[in-house]
Protein backbone atom coordinates (compact mmCIF):
# COMPACT_ATOMS: atom_id res chain seq x y z
CA UNK A 1 79.04 96.65 104.71
CA UNK A 2 78.41 93.10 103.59
CA UNK A 3 76.85 94.43 99.85
CA UNK A 4 79.72 97.49 99.18
CA UNK A 5 81.69 94.87 100.38
CA UNK A 6 80.32 91.98 97.39
CA UNK A 7 79.10 94.80 95.31
CA UNK A 8 83.40 95.39 94.21
CA UNK A 9 84.60 92.34 94.68
CA UNK A 10 82.10 91.70 91.97
CA UNK A 11 84.39 94.04 90.03
CA UNK A 12 87.07 92.39 90.82
CA UNK A 13 86.53 88.63 89.87
CA UNK A 14 86.51 89.10 86.13
CA UNK A 15 89.21 88.87 86.53
CA UNK A 16 90.89 86.79 88.84
CA UNK A 17 88.56 84.32 86.83
CA UNK A 18 90.10 84.81 83.97
CA UNK A 19 92.99 83.08 85.61
CA UNK A 20 91.34 80.73 86.70
CA UNK A 21 90.68 81.44 89.99
CA UNK A 22 87.85 83.59 92.55
CA UNK A 23 87.44 85.27 95.81
CA UNK A 24 84.69 84.33 98.87
CA UNK A 25 83.34 86.94 100.65
CA UNK A 26 83.35 85.47 104.55
CA UNK A 27 82.41 88.41 106.57
CA UNK A 28 83.31 91.46 107.55
CA UNK A 29 84.19 93.21 110.72
CA UNK A 30 85.21 96.06 112.45
CA UNK A 31 86.83 97.06 109.03
CA UNK A 32 87.86 93.75 108.45
CA UNK A 33 86.86 92.05 105.70
CA UNK A 34 87.97 87.79 105.39
CA UNK A 35 87.92 86.33 101.82
CA UNK A 36 88.60 82.94 101.66
CA UNK A 37 90.53 82.55 97.47
CA UNK A 38 90.01 79.63 95.66
CA UNK A 39 90.47 78.09 92.60
CA UNK A 40 93.90 78.64 90.92
CA UNK A 41 94.41 81.50 93.51
CA UNK A 42 95.19 78.27 95.96
CA UNK A 43 98.78 77.54 95.86
CA UNK A 44 99.37 79.96 93.81
CA UNK A 45 102.81 82.56 94.13
CA UNK A 46 101.00 85.77 93.83
CA UNK A 47 97.68 85.34 95.66
CA UNK A 48 98.99 87.45 98.44
CA UNK A 49 100.25 90.30 96.17
CA UNK A 50 96.53 89.79 94.58
CA UNK A 51 95.02 89.60 97.80
CA UNK A 52 97.09 93.26 99.06
CA UNK A 53 97.76 94.77 96.20
CA UNK A 54 94.71 94.01 93.89
CA UNK A 55 91.64 93.30 95.79
CA UNK A 56 92.45 95.35 99.46
CA UNK A 57 93.28 98.79 97.80
CA UNK A 58 90.38 98.67 95.28
CA UNK A 59 88.66 97.54 98.56
CA UNK A 60 90.08 100.85 100.39
CA UNK A 61 90.02 103.32 97.87
CA UNK A 62 85.64 102.33 97.20
CA UNK A 63 84.52 101.40 100.12
CA UNK A 64 87.12 104.24 102.85
CA UNK A 65 85.82 101.76 105.90
CA UNK A 66 87.43 99.41 104.73
CA UNK A 67 90.11 98.78 106.92
CA UNK A 68 92.64 95.54 106.34
CA UNK A 69 91.57 92.46 103.96
CA UNK A 70 93.07 89.57 105.42
CA UNK A 71 92.73 86.12 103.35
CA UNK A 72 91.31 82.58 105.56
């Protein structure tokens, strides 16, 4: 499943990088994806929305086994 998640994150990264941010996959366990937001995403007031409405929504749409995405 990690490979599937990484494939979806590759689609998301250009948008994050355009604003100076990025996302790093940390782990996938029992449907929970753990990621680390980096760059401009750290401390950004929109980071939570990016995580939930952007990253989590796209992962859930493309990989039904994903239950939630958590920033670590």
